[in-house]
All heavy atoms as atom14 arrays in JSON, in Angstrom:
{
  "sequence": "AEVEANKEVVRRIKVMTGVMLRDSVQNIDNTDIVKLNNTTGYKTVEYK",
  "atom14_mask": [
    [1, 1, 1, 1, 1, 0, 0, 0, 0, 0, 0, 0, 0, 0],
    [1, 1, 1, 1, 1, 1, 1, 1, 1, 0, 0, 0, 0, 0],
    [1, 1, 1, 1, 1, 1, 1, 0, 0, 0, 0, 0, 0, 0],
    [1, 1, 1, 1, 1, 1, 1, 1, 1, 0, 0, 0, 0, 0],
    [1, 1, 1, 1, 1, 0, 0, 0, 0, 0, 0, 0, 0, 0],
    [1, 1, 1, 1, 1, 1, 1, 1, 0, 0, 0, 0, 0, 0],
    [1, 1, 1, 1, 1, 1, 1, 1, 1, 0, 0, 0, 0, 0],
    [1, 1, 1, 1, 1, 1, 1, 1, 1, 0, 0, 0, 0, 0],
    [1, 1, 1, 1, 1, 1, 1, 0, 0, 0, 0, 0, 0, 0],
    [1, 1, 1, 1, 1, 1, 1, 0, 0, 0, 0, 0, 0, 0],
    [1, 1, 1, 1, 1, 1, 1, 1, 1, 1, 1, 0, 0, 0],
    [1, 1, 1, 1, 1, 1, 1, 1, 1, 1, 1, 0, 0, 0],
    [1, 1, 1, 1, 1, 1, 1, 1, 0, 0, 0, 0, 0, 0],
    [1, 1, 1, 1, 1, 1, 1, 1, 1, 0, 0, 0, 0, 0],
    [1, 1, 1, 1, 1, 1, 1, 0, 0, 0, 0, 0, 0, 0],
    [1, 1, 1, 1, 1, 1, 1, 1, 0, 0, 0, 0, 0, 0],
    [1, 1, 1, 1, 1, 1, 1, 0, 0, 0, 0, 0, 0, 0],
    [1, 1, 1, 1, 0, 0, 0, 0, 0, 0, 0, 0, 0, 0],
    [1, 1, 1, 1, 1, 1, 1, 0, 0, 0, 0, 0, 0, 0],
    [1, 1, 1, 1, 1, 1, 1, 1, 0, 0, 0, 0, 0, 0],
    [1, 1, 1, 1, 1, 1, 1, 1, 0, 0, 0, 0, 0, 0],
    [1, 1, 1, 1, 1, 1, 1, 1, 1, 1, 1, 0, 0, 0],
    [1, 1, 1, 1, 1, 1, 1, 1, 0, 0, 0, 0, 0, 0],
    [1, 1, 1, 1, 1, 1, 0, 0, 0, 0, 0, 0, 0, 0],
    [1, 1, 1, 1, 1, 1, 1, 0, 0, 0, 0, 0, 0, 0],
    [1, 1, 1, 1, 1, 1, 1, 1, 1, 0, 0, 0, 0, 0],
    [1, 1, 1, 1, 1, 1, 1, 1, 0, 0, 0, 0, 0, 0],
    [1, 1, 1, 1, 1, 1, 1, 1, 0, 0, 0, 0, 0, 0],
    [1, 1, 1, 1, 1, 1, 1, 1, 0, 0, 0, 0, 0, 0],
    [1, 1, 1, 1, 1, 1, 1, 1, 0, 0, 0, 0, 0, 0],
    [1, 1, 1, 1, 1, 1, 1, 0, 0, 0, 0, 0, 0, 0],
    [1, 1, 1, 1, 1, 1, 1, 1, 0, 0, 0, 0, 0, 0],
    [1, 1, 1, 1, 1, 1, 1, 1, 0, 0, 0, 0, 0, 0],
    [1, 1, 1, 1, 1, 1, 1, 0, 0, 0, 0, 0, 0, 0],
    [1, 1, 1, 1, 1, 1, 1, 1, 1, 0, 0, 0, 0, 0],
    [1, 1, 1, 1, 1, 1, 1, 1, 0, 0, 0, 0, 0, 0],
    [1, 1, 1, 1, 1, 1, 1, 1, 0, 0, 0, 0, 0, 0],
    [1, 1, 1, 1, 1, 1, 1, 1, 0, 0, 0, 0, 0, 0],
    [1, 1, 1, 1, 1, 1, 1, 0, 0, 0, 0, 0, 0, 0],
    [1, 1, 1, 1, 1, 1, 1, 0, 0, 0, 0, 0, 0, 0],
    [1, 1, 1, 1, 0, 0, 0, 0, 0, 0, 0, 0, 0, 0],
    [1, 1, 1, 1, 1, 1, 1, 1, 1, 1, 1, 1, 0, 0],
    [1, 1, 1, 1, 1, 1, 1, 1, 1, 0, 0, 0, 0, 0],
    [1, 1, 1, 1, 1, 1, 1, 0, 0, 0, 0, 0, 0, 0],
    [1, 1, 1, 1, 1, 1, 1, 0, 0, 0, 0, 0, 0, 0],
    [1, 1, 1, 1, 1, 1, 1, 1, 1, 0, 0, 0, 0, 0],
    [1, 1, 1, 1, 1, 1, 1, 1, 1, 1, 1, 1, 0, 0],
    [1, 1, 1, 1, 1, 1, 1, 1, 1, 0, 0, 0, 0, 0]
  ],
  "atom14_positions": [
    [[22.43, -0.39, 3.69], [21.52, 0.18, 2.67], [20.63, -0.96, 2.09], [19.44, -0.81, 1.89], [22.29, 0.86, 1.56], [0.0, 0.0, 0.0], [0.0, 0.0, 0.0], [0.0, 0.0, 0.0], [0.0, 0.0, 0.0], [0.0, 0.0, 0.0], [0.0, 0.0, 0.0], [0.0, 0.0, 0.0], [0.0, 0.0, 0.0], [0.0, 0.0, 0.0]],
    [[21.24, -2.15, 2.01], [20.46, -3.33, 1.49], [19.38, -3.69, 2.56], [18.27, -4.08, 2.19], [21.38, -4.49, 1.24], [22.27, -4.32, 0.02], [23.23, -5.46, -0.13], [23.34, -6.26, 0.76], [23.87, -5.54, -1.27], [0.0, 0.0, 0.0], [0.0, 0.0, 0.0], [0.0, 0.0, 0.0], [0.0, 0.0, 0.0], [0.0, 0.0, 0.0]],
    [[19.69, -3.63, 3.81], [18.75, -3.91, 4.92], [17.62, -2.91, 4.83], [16.42, -3.26, 4.93], [19.47, -3.91, 6.3], [18.43, -3.92, 7.37], [20.44, -5.0, 6.43], [0.0, 0.0, 0.0], [0.0, 0.0, 0.0], [0.0, 0.0, 0.0], [0.0, 0.0, 0.0], [0.0, 0.0, 0.0], [0.0, 0.0, 0.0], [0.0, 0.0, 0.0]],
    [[17.97, -1.6, 4.6], [16.87, -0.59, 4.55], [16.03, -0.74, 3.26], [14.86, -0.51, 3.31], [17.51, 0.79, 4.55], [18.14, 1.18, 5.86], [17.18, 1.12, 7.04], [16.07, 1.62, 6.86], [17.55, 0.62, 8.1], [0.0, 0.0, 0.0], [0.0, 0.0, 0.0], [0.0, 0.0, 0.0], [0.0, 0.0, 0.0], [0.0, 0.0, 0.0]],
    [[16.64, -1.22, 2.21], [15.87, -1.48, 1.03], [14.86, -2.6, 1.25], [13.69, -2.53, 0.81], [16.77, -1.8, -0.14], [0.0, 0.0, 0.0], [0.0, 0.0, 0.0], [0.0, 0.0, 0.0], [0.0, 0.0, 0.0], [0.0, 0.0, 0.0], [0.0, 0.0, 0.0], [0.0, 0.0, 0.0], [0.0, 0.0, 0.0], [0.0, 0.0, 0.0]],
    [[15.29, -3.66, 1.96], [14.32, -4.7, 2.36], [13.21, -4.17, 3.27], [11.99, -4.55, 3.04], [15.02, -5.79, 3.12], [15.99, -6.63, 2.24], [15.98, -6.46, 0.99], [16.75, -7.46, 2.81], [0.0, 0.0, 0.0], [0.0, 0.0, 0.0], [0.0, 0.0, 0.0], [0.0, 0.0, 0.0], [0.0, 0.0, 0.0], [0.0, 0.0, 0.0]],
    [[13.54, -3.3, 4.15], [12.52, -2.63, 4.97], [11.54, -1.86, 4.12], [10.3, -1.79, 4.46], [13.14, -1.76, 6.05], [13.92, -2.52, 7.15], [14.48, -1.54, 8.08], [15.27, -2.28, 9.19], [15.89, -1.36, 10.18], [0.0, 0.0, 0.0], [0.0, 0.0, 0.0], [0.0, 0.0, 0.0], [0.0, 0.0, 0.0], [0.0, 0.0, 0.0]],
    [[12.05, -1.21, 3.09], [11.14, -0.43, 2.21], [10.16, -1.34, 1.52], [8.97, -1.02, 1.38], [12.04, 0.28, 1.17], [11.24, 1.03, 0.14], [10.51, 2.26, 0.66], [10.81, 2.64, 1.78], [9.68, 2.82, -0.11], [0.0, 0.0, 0.0], [0.0, 0.0, 0.0], [0.0, 0.0, 0.0], [0.0, 0.0, 0.0], [0.0, 0.0, 0.0]],
    [[10.61, -2.54, 1.11], [9.67, -3.46, 0.46], [8.61, -3.88, 1.48], [7.37, -3.92, 1.17], [10.43, -4.71, -0.05], [9.42, -5.76, -0.55], [11.41, -4.34, -1.16], [0.0, 0.0, 0.0], [0.0, 0.0, 0.0], [0.0, 0.0, 0.0], [0.0, 0.0, 0.0], [0.0, 0.0, 0.0], [0.0, 0.0, 0.0], [0.0, 0.0, 0.0]],
    [[9.0, -4.16, 2.67], [8.03, -4.45, 3.77], [6.99, -3.35, 3.97], [5.8, -3.62, 4.06], [8.78, -4.75, 5.11], [7.77, -4.94, 6.23], [9.61, -6.0, 4.9], [0.0, 0.0, 0.0], [0.0, 0.0, 0.0], [0.0, 0.0, 0.0], [0.0, 0.0, 0.0], [0.0, 0.0, 0.0], [0.0, 0.0, 0.0], [0.0, 0.0, 0.0]],
    [[7.46, -2.1, 4.04], [6.56, -0.97, 4.23], [5.54, -0.87, 3.1], [4.4, -0.59, 3.29], [7.4, 0.35, 4.32], [8.04, 0.57, 5.68], [8.58, 2.01, 5.78], [9.76, 2.18, 4.88], [11.0, 2.05, 5.28], [11.24, 1.6, 6.57], [11.98, 2.26, 4.44], [0.0, 0.0, 0.0], [0.0, 0.0, 0.0], [0.0, 0.0, 0.0]],
    [[6.06, -0.99, 1.88], [5.2, -0.88, 0.67], [4.12, -1.98, 0.67], [2.95, -1.67, 0.41], [6.03, -0.99, -0.57], [6.89, 0.32, -0.82], [7.79, 0.22, -2.03], [8.49, 1.46, -2.27], [8.59, 2.11, -3.41], [7.93, 1.61, -4.52], [9.22, 3.2, -3.56], [0.0, 0.0, 0.0], [0.0, 0.0, 0.0], [0.0, 0.0, 0.0]],
    [[4.46, -3.21, 0.91], [3.51, -4.25, 0.9], [2.5, -4.14, 2.02], [1.31, -4.45, 1.87], [4.22, -5.64, 0.88], [4.98, -5.78, -0.44], [3.2, -6.79, 1.07], [5.69, -7.12, -0.59], [0.0, 0.0, 0.0], [0.0, 0.0, 0.0], [0.0, 0.0, 0.0], [0.0, 0.0, 0.0], [0.0, 0.0, 0.0], [0.0, 0.0, 0.0]],
    [[2.98, -3.65, 3.17], [2.02, -3.43, 4.29], [0.97, -2.43, 3.91], [-0.22, -2.6, 4.19], [2.84, -2.95, 5.51], [1.99, -2.8, 6.79], [2.83, -2.48, 7.98], [1.94, -2.36, 9.22], [2.77, -2.09, 10.44], [0.0, 0.0, 0.0], [0.0, 0.0, 0.0], [0.0, 0.0, 0.0], [0.0, 0.0, 0.0], [0.0, 0.0, 0.0]],
    [[1.37, -1.33, 3.22], [0.38, -0.34, 2.78], [-0.59, -0.98, 1.77], [-1.76, -0.76, 1.79], [1.08, 0.86, 2.14], [0.06, 1.83, 1.51], [1.85, 1.59, 3.19], [0.0, 0.0, 0.0], [0.0, 0.0, 0.0], [0.0, 0.0, 0.0], [0.0, 0.0, 0.0], [0.0, 0.0, 0.0], [0.0, 0.0, 0.0], [0.0, 0.0, 0.0]],
    [[-0.02, -1.82, 0.88], [-0.83, -2.43, -0.19], [-1.91, -3.36, 0.35], [-2.93, -3.53, -0.24], [0.08, -3.16, -1.17], [0.94, -2.24, -2.03], [2.27, -3.1, -2.82], [1.39, -4.34, -3.81], [0.0, 0.0, 0.0], [0.0, 0.0, 0.0], [0.0, 0.0, 0.0], [0.0, 0.0, 0.0], [0.0, 0.0, 0.0], [0.0, 0.0, 0.0]],
    [[-1.56, -4.04, 1.47], [-2.53, -4.99, 2.01], [-3.82, -4.31, 2.57], [-4.91, -4.92, 2.67], [-1.91, -5.75, 3.18], [-1.59, -4.85, 4.22], [-0.7, -6.59, 2.79], [0.0, 0.0, 0.0], [0.0, 0.0, 0.0], [0.0, 0.0, 0.0], [0.0, 0.0, 0.0], [0.0, 0.0, 0.0], [0.0, 0.0, 0.0], [0.0, 0.0, 0.0]],
    [[-3.68, -2.97, 2.87], [-4.81, -2.26, 3.46], [-4.98, -2.52, 4.91], [-5.96, -2.11, 5.5], [0.0, 0.0, 0.0], [0.0, 0.0, 0.0], [0.0, 0.0, 0.0], [0.0, 0.0, 0.0], [0.0, 0.0, 0.0], [0.0, 0.0, 0.0], [0.0, 0.0, 0.0], [0.0, 0.0, 0.0], [0.0, 0.0, 0.0], [0.0, 0.0, 0.0]],
    [[-3.99, -3.18, 5.58], [-4.14, -3.56, 6.96], [-4.18, -2.35, 7.88], [-4.72, -2.43, 8.97], [-2.93, -4.46, 7.33], [-1.6, -3.71, 7.4], [-3.17, -5.14, 8.72], [0.0, 0.0, 0.0], [0.0, 0.0, 0.0], [0.0, 0.0, 0.0], [0.0, 0.0, 0.0], [0.0, 0.0, 0.0], [0.0, 0.0, 0.0], [0.0, 0.0, 0.0]],
    [[-3.7, -1.19, 7.38], [-3.72, 0.0, 8.27], [-5.0, 0.81, 8.11], [-5.14, 1.88, 8.71], [-2.52, 0.87, 7.9], [-1.21, 0.26, 8.27], [0.26, 1.31, 8.0], [0.25, 1.41, 6.27], [0.0, 0.0, 0.0], [0.0, 0.0, 0.0], [0.0, 0.0, 0.0], [0.0, 0.0, 0.0], [0.0, 0.0, 0.0], [0.0, 0.0, 0.0]],
    [[-5.89, 0.38, 7.25], [-7.17, 1.08, 7.02], [-8.17, 0.81, 8.16], [-8.4, -0.32, 8.53], [-7.82, 0.7, 5.69], [-6.99, 0.98, 4.39], [-7.74, 0.46, 3.2], [-6.7, 2.42, 4.27], [0.0, 0.0, 0.0], [0.0, 0.0, 0.0], [0.0, 0.0, 0.0], [0.0, 0.0, 0.0], [0.0, 0.0, 0.0], [0.0, 0.0, 0.0]],
    [[-8.65, 1.86, 8.74], [-9.69, 1.75, 9.78], [-10.94, 2.49, 9.3], [-10.91, 3.5, 8.65], [-9.22, 2.39, 11.11], [-7.89, 1.8, 11.65], [-8.11, 0.4, 12.19], [-6.93, -0.03, 12.87], [-5.88, -0.63, 12.33], [-5.96, -0.94, 11.04], [-4.86, -1.1, 13.0], [0.0, 0.0, 0.0], [0.0, 0.0, 0.0], [0.0, 0.0, 0.0]],
    [[-12.11, 1.96, 9.68], [-13.34, 2.58, 9.33], [-13.39, 4.0, 9.78], [-13.1, 4.35, 10.92], [-14.58, 1.84, 9.89], [-14.74, 0.47, 9.22], [-14.15, 0.25, 8.13], [-15.44, -0.4, 9.82], [0.0, 0.0, 0.0], [0.0, 0.0, 0.0], [0.0, 0.0, 0.0], [0.0, 0.0, 0.0], [0.0, 0.0, 0.0], [0.0, 0.0, 0.0]],
    [[-13.7, 4.92, 8.9], [-13.73, 6.36, 9.19], [-14.81, 7.04, 8.37], [-15.59, 6.37, 7.67], [-12.32, 6.9, 8.94], [-12.31, 8.27, 9.37], [0.0, 0.0, 0.0], [0.0, 0.0, 0.0], [0.0, 0.0, 0.0], [0.0, 0.0, 0.0], [0.0, 0.0, 0.0], [0.0, 0.0, 0.0], [0.0, 0.0, 0.0], [0.0, 0.0, 0.0]],
    [[-14.78, 8.38, 8.42], [-15.82, 9.12, 7.73], [-15.43, 9.21, 6.22], [-16.32, 9.46, 5.38], [-15.97, 10.54, 8.28], [-16.56, 10.48, 9.69], [-14.6, 11.29, 8.29], [0.0, 0.0, 0.0], [0.0, 0.0, 0.0], [0.0, 0.0, 0.0], [0.0, 0.0, 0.0], [0.0, 0.0, 0.0], [0.0, 0.0, 0.0], [0.0, 0.0, 0.0]],
    [[-14.21, 9.07, 5.88], [-13.72, 9.12, 4.46], [-12.82, 7.87, 4.22], [-11.75, 7.8, 4.71], [-12.96, 10.37, 4.17], [-12.66, 10.63, 2.71], [-12.2, 11.95, 2.44], [-11.89, 12.73, 3.34], [-12.04, 12.31, 1.13], [0.0, 0.0, 0.0], [0.0, 0.0, 0.0], [0.0, 0.0, 0.0], [0.0, 0.0, 0.0], [0.0, 0.0, 0.0]],
    [[-13.43, 6.92, 3.51], [-12.85, 5.53, 3.4], [-12.38, 5.21, 2.01], [-13.05, 5.56, 0.98], [-13.8, 4.52, 3.9], [-14.05, 4.6, 5.35], [-13.15, 4.54, 6.18], [-15.32, 4.85, 5.73], [0.0, 0.0, 0.0], [0.0, 0.0, 0.0], [0.0, 0.0, 0.0], [0.0, 0.0, 0.0], [0.0, 0.0, 0.0], [0.0, 0.0, 0.0]],
    [[-11.28, 4.5, 1.93], [-10.97, 3.66, 0.78], [-11.47, 2.29, 1.03], [-11.05, 1.68, 2.04], [-9.43, 3.61, 0.49], [-8.94, 4.97, -0.05], [-9.06, 2.51, -0.46], [-7.44, 5.05, -0.3], [0.0, 0.0, 0.0], [0.0, 0.0, 0.0], [0.0, 0.0, 0.0], [0.0, 0.0, 0.0], [0.0, 0.0, 0.0], [0.0, 0.0, 0.0]],
    [[-12.39, 1.79, 0.2], [-12.98, 0.46, 0.6], [-12.15, -0.63, -0.14], [-11.16, -0.35, -0.82], [-14.45, 0.44, 0.13], [-14.65, 0.74, -1.32], [-13.79, 0.39, -2.17], [-15.73, 1.3, -1.71], [0.0, 0.0, 0.0], [0.0, 0.0, 0.0], [0.0, 0.0, 0.0], [0.0, 0.0, 0.0], [0.0, 0.0, 0.0], [0.0, 0.0, 0.0]],
    [[-12.65, -1.86, 0.03], [-11.9, -2.99, -0.49], [-11.73, -2.98, -2.0], [-10.69, -3.3, -2.56], [-12.57, -4.31, -0.05], [-12.45, -4.59, 1.4], [-11.51, -4.07, 2.07], [-13.32, -5.41, 1.94], [0.0, 0.0, 0.0], [0.0, 0.0, 0.0], [0.0, 0.0, 0.0], [0.0, 0.0, 0.0], [0.0, 0.0, 0.0], [0.0, 0.0, 0.0]],
    [[-12.84, -2.57, -2.71], [-12.77, -2.46, -4.13], [-11.72, -1.44, -4.58], [-10.95, -1.63, -5.58], [-14.17, -2.1, -4.72], [-15.09, -3.13, -4.37], [-14.11, -2.0, -6.27], [0.0, 0.0, 0.0], [0.0, 0.0, 0.0], [0.0, 0.0, 0.0], [0.0, 0.0, 0.0], [0.0, 0.0, 0.0], [0.0, 0.0, 0.0], [0.0, 0.0, 0.0]],
    [[-11.65, -0.24, -3.86], [-10.69, 0.71, -4.2], [-9.29, 0.24, -4.11], [-8.45, 0.51, -4.97], [-10.95, 1.98, -3.31], [-12.34, 2.62, -3.42], [-12.91, 2.44, -4.55], [-12.72, 3.23, -2.52], [0.0, 0.0, 0.0], [0.0, 0.0, 0.0], [0.0, 0.0, 0.0], [0.0, 0.0, 0.0], [0.0, 0.0, 0.0], [0.0, 0.0, 0.0]],
    [[-9.02, -0.41, -3.03], [-7.6, -0.91, -2.76], [-7.22, -1.98, -3.79], [-6.08, -2.0, -4.24], [-7.43, -1.41, -1.28], [-5.96, -1.43, -0.92], [-8.02, -2.81, -1.1], [-5.39, -0.1, -0.64], [0.0, 0.0, 0.0], [0.0, 0.0, 0.0], [0.0, 0.0, 0.0], [0.0, 0.0, 0.0], [0.0, 0.0, 0.0], [0.0, 0.0, 0.0]],
    [[-8.22, -2.84, -4.22], [-7.95, -3.77, -5.23], [-7.61, -3.16, -6.55], [-6.66, -3.49, -7.28], [-9.14, -4.72, -5.37], [-8.96, -5.62, -6.62], [-9.21, -5.65, -4.14], [0.0, 0.0, 0.0], [0.0, 0.0, 0.0], [0.0, 0.0, 0.0], [0.0, 0.0, 0.0], [0.0, 0.0, 0.0], [0.0, 0.0, 0.0], [0.0, 0.0, 0.0]],
    [[-8.41, -2.09, -6.87], [-8.19, -1.35, -8.13], [-6.77, -0.69, -8.1], [-6.05, -0.66, -9.1], [-9.31, -0.38, -8.41], [-10.65, -0.98, -8.74], [-11.72, 0.07, -8.88], [-11.55, 0.89, -10.09], [-12.69, 1.82, -10.28], [0.0, 0.0, 0.0], [0.0, 0.0, 0.0], [0.0, 0.0, 0.0], [0.0, 0.0, 0.0], [0.0, 0.0, 0.0]],
    [[-6.48, -0.06, -7.04], [-5.16, 0.62, -6.9], [-4.03, -0.38, -7.09], [-2.99, -0.11, -7.74], [-5.05, 1.26, -5.56], [-5.81, 2.59, -5.36], [-5.83, 2.96, -3.86], [-5.09, 3.72, -6.13], [0.0, 0.0, 0.0], [0.0, 0.0, 0.0], [0.0, 0.0, 0.0], [0.0, 0.0, 0.0], [0.0, 0.0, 0.0], [0.0, 0.0, 0.0]],
    [[-4.16, -1.56, -6.44], [-3.07, -2.56, -6.54], [-3.01, -3.28, -7.87], [-1.87, -3.68, -8.24], [-3.26, -3.53, -5.42], [-2.76, -3.06, -4.03], [-1.79, -2.36, -4.01], [-3.48, -3.44, -2.98], [0.0, 0.0, 0.0], [0.0, 0.0, 0.0], [0.0, 0.0, 0.0], [0.0, 0.0, 0.0], [0.0, 0.0, 0.0], [0.0, 0.0, 0.0]],
    [[-4.13, -3.44, -8.58], [-4.12, -4.35, -9.72], [-3.99, -3.46, -11.06], [-4.01, -4.1, -12.12], [-5.38, -5.11, -9.77], [-5.36, -6.22, -8.72], [-4.32, -6.48, -8.05], [-6.5, -6.9, -8.45], [0.0, 0.0, 0.0], [0.0, 0.0, 0.0], [0.0, 0.0, 0.0], [0.0, 0.0, 0.0], [0.0, 0.0, 0.0], [0.0, 0.0, 0.0]],
    [[-3.9, -2.19, -10.99], [-3.7, -1.43, -12.2], [-2.35, -1.78, -12.81], [-1.32, -1.73, -12.06], [-3.76, 0.07, -11.89], [-5.07, 0.37, -11.3], [-3.57, 0.85, -13.17], [0.0, 0.0, 0.0], [0.0, 0.0, 0.0], [0.0, 0.0, 0.0], [0.0, 0.0, 0.0], [0.0, 0.0, 0.0], [0.0, 0.0, 0.0], [0.0, 0.0, 0.0]],
    [[-2.34, -2.14, -14.07], [-1.09, -2.5, -14.69], [-0.2, -1.3, -14.98], [-0.65, -0.17, -15.03], [-1.35, -3.27, -16.0], [-2.11, -2.38, -16.87], [-2.17, -4.51, -15.76], [0.0, 0.0, 0.0], [0.0, 0.0, 0.0], [0.0, 0.0, 0.0], [0.0, 0.0, 0.0], [0.0, 0.0, 0.0], [0.0, 0.0, 0.0], [0.0, 0.0, 0.0]],
    [[1.09, -1.56, -15.19], [2.03, -0.54, -15.43], [2.96, -0.25, -14.26], [2.99, -1.03, -13.35], [0.0, 0.0, 0.0], [0.0, 0.0, 0.0], [0.0, 0.0, 0.0], [0.0, 0.0, 0.0], [0.0, 0.0, 0.0], [0.0, 0.0, 0.0], [0.0, 0.0, 0.0], [0.0, 0.0, 0.0], [0.0, 0.0, 0.0], [0.0, 0.0, 0.0]],
    [[3.64, 0.86, -14.34], [4.62, 1.21, -13.31], [3.91, 1.76, -12.08], [2.83, 2.34, -12.13], [5.56, 2.23, -13.82], [6.82, 2.4, -12.99], [7.58, 1.32, -12.58], [7.34, 3.65, -12.64], [8.73, 1.43, -11.88], [8.43, 3.82, -11.89], [9.16, 2.7, -11.53], [10.33, 2.75, -10.78], [0.0, 0.0, 0.0], [0.0, 0.0, 0.0]],
    [[4.47, 1.5, -10.92], [3.8, 1.75, -9.66], [4.76, 2.13, -8.57], [5.91, 1.75, -8.56], [3.05, 0.49, -9.25], [2.3, 0.51, -7.87], [1.65, -0.87, -7.69], [0.9, -0.97, -6.44], [0.28, -2.29, -6.27], [0.0, 0.0, 0.0], [0.0, 0.0, 0.0], [0.0, 0.0, 0.0], [0.0, 0.0, 0.0], [0.0, 0.0, 0.0]],
    [[4.31, 3.0, -7.67], [5.09, 3.27, -6.48], [4.14, 3.27, -5.21], [2.97, 3.6, -5.4], [5.93, 4.54, -6.55], [6.82, 4.6, -5.44], [5.05, 5.82, -6.49], [0.0, 0.0, 0.0], [0.0, 0.0, 0.0], [0.0, 0.0, 0.0], [0.0, 0.0, 0.0], [0.0, 0.0, 0.0], [0.0, 0.0, 0.0], [0.0, 0.0, 0.0]],
    [[4.65, 2.99, -4.08], [3.95, 3.06, -2.83], [4.85, 3.76, -1.82], [5.95, 3.3, -1.54], [3.6, 1.62, -2.32], [2.77, 1.72, -1.05], [2.88, 0.82, -3.4], [0.0, 0.0, 0.0], [0.0, 0.0, 0.0], [0.0, 0.0, 0.0], [0.0, 0.0, 0.0], [0.0, 0.0, 0.0], [0.0, 0.0, 0.0], [0.0, 0.0, 0.0]],
    [[4.4, 4.91, -1.36], [5.24, 5.75, -0.46], [4.58, 5.86, 0.93], [3.33, 5.81, 1.02], [5.43, 7.11, -1.07], [5.97, 7.11, -2.48], [7.4, 6.58, -2.61], [8.11, 6.55, -1.54], [7.8, 6.14, -3.69], [0.0, 0.0, 0.0], [0.0, 0.0, 0.0], [0.0, 0.0, 0.0], [0.0, 0.0, 0.0], [0.0, 0.0, 0.0]],
    [[5.36, 5.99, 1.9], [4.88, 6.08, 3.32], [5.82, 6.92, 4.12], [7.1, 6.82, 4.04], [4.87, 4.61, 3.91], [4.52, 4.59, 5.41], [3.23, 4.5, 5.86], [5.56, 4.59, 6.33], [2.97, 4.41, 7.18], [5.34, 4.5, 7.7], [4.01, 4.43, 8.1], [3.71, 4.34, 9.47], [0.0, 0.0, 0.0], [0.0, 0.0, 0.0]],
    [[5.26, 7.81, 4.88], [6.09, 8.67, 5.74], [5.33, 8.88, 7.1], [4.11, 9.31, 7.06], [6.34, 10.02, 5.08], [7.28, 10.93, 5.97], [7.58, 12.18, 5.17], [8.37, 13.14, 6.04], [9.64, 12.58, 6.45], [0.0, 0.0, 0.0], [0.0, 0.0, 0.0], [0.0, 0.0, 0.0], [0.0, 0.0, 0.0], [0.0, 0.0, 0.0]]
  ]
}
């Protein structure tokens, strides 16, 4: 379970980097991802 929890942290940070974003017809741009990541307070990042 501890190993899986570490993997969860990896998944979350990978989403946060925006590395999986590809140019498309409906985009989250760099400014959007910065705002999402830098908003203060409690936060979650989910991936499935």
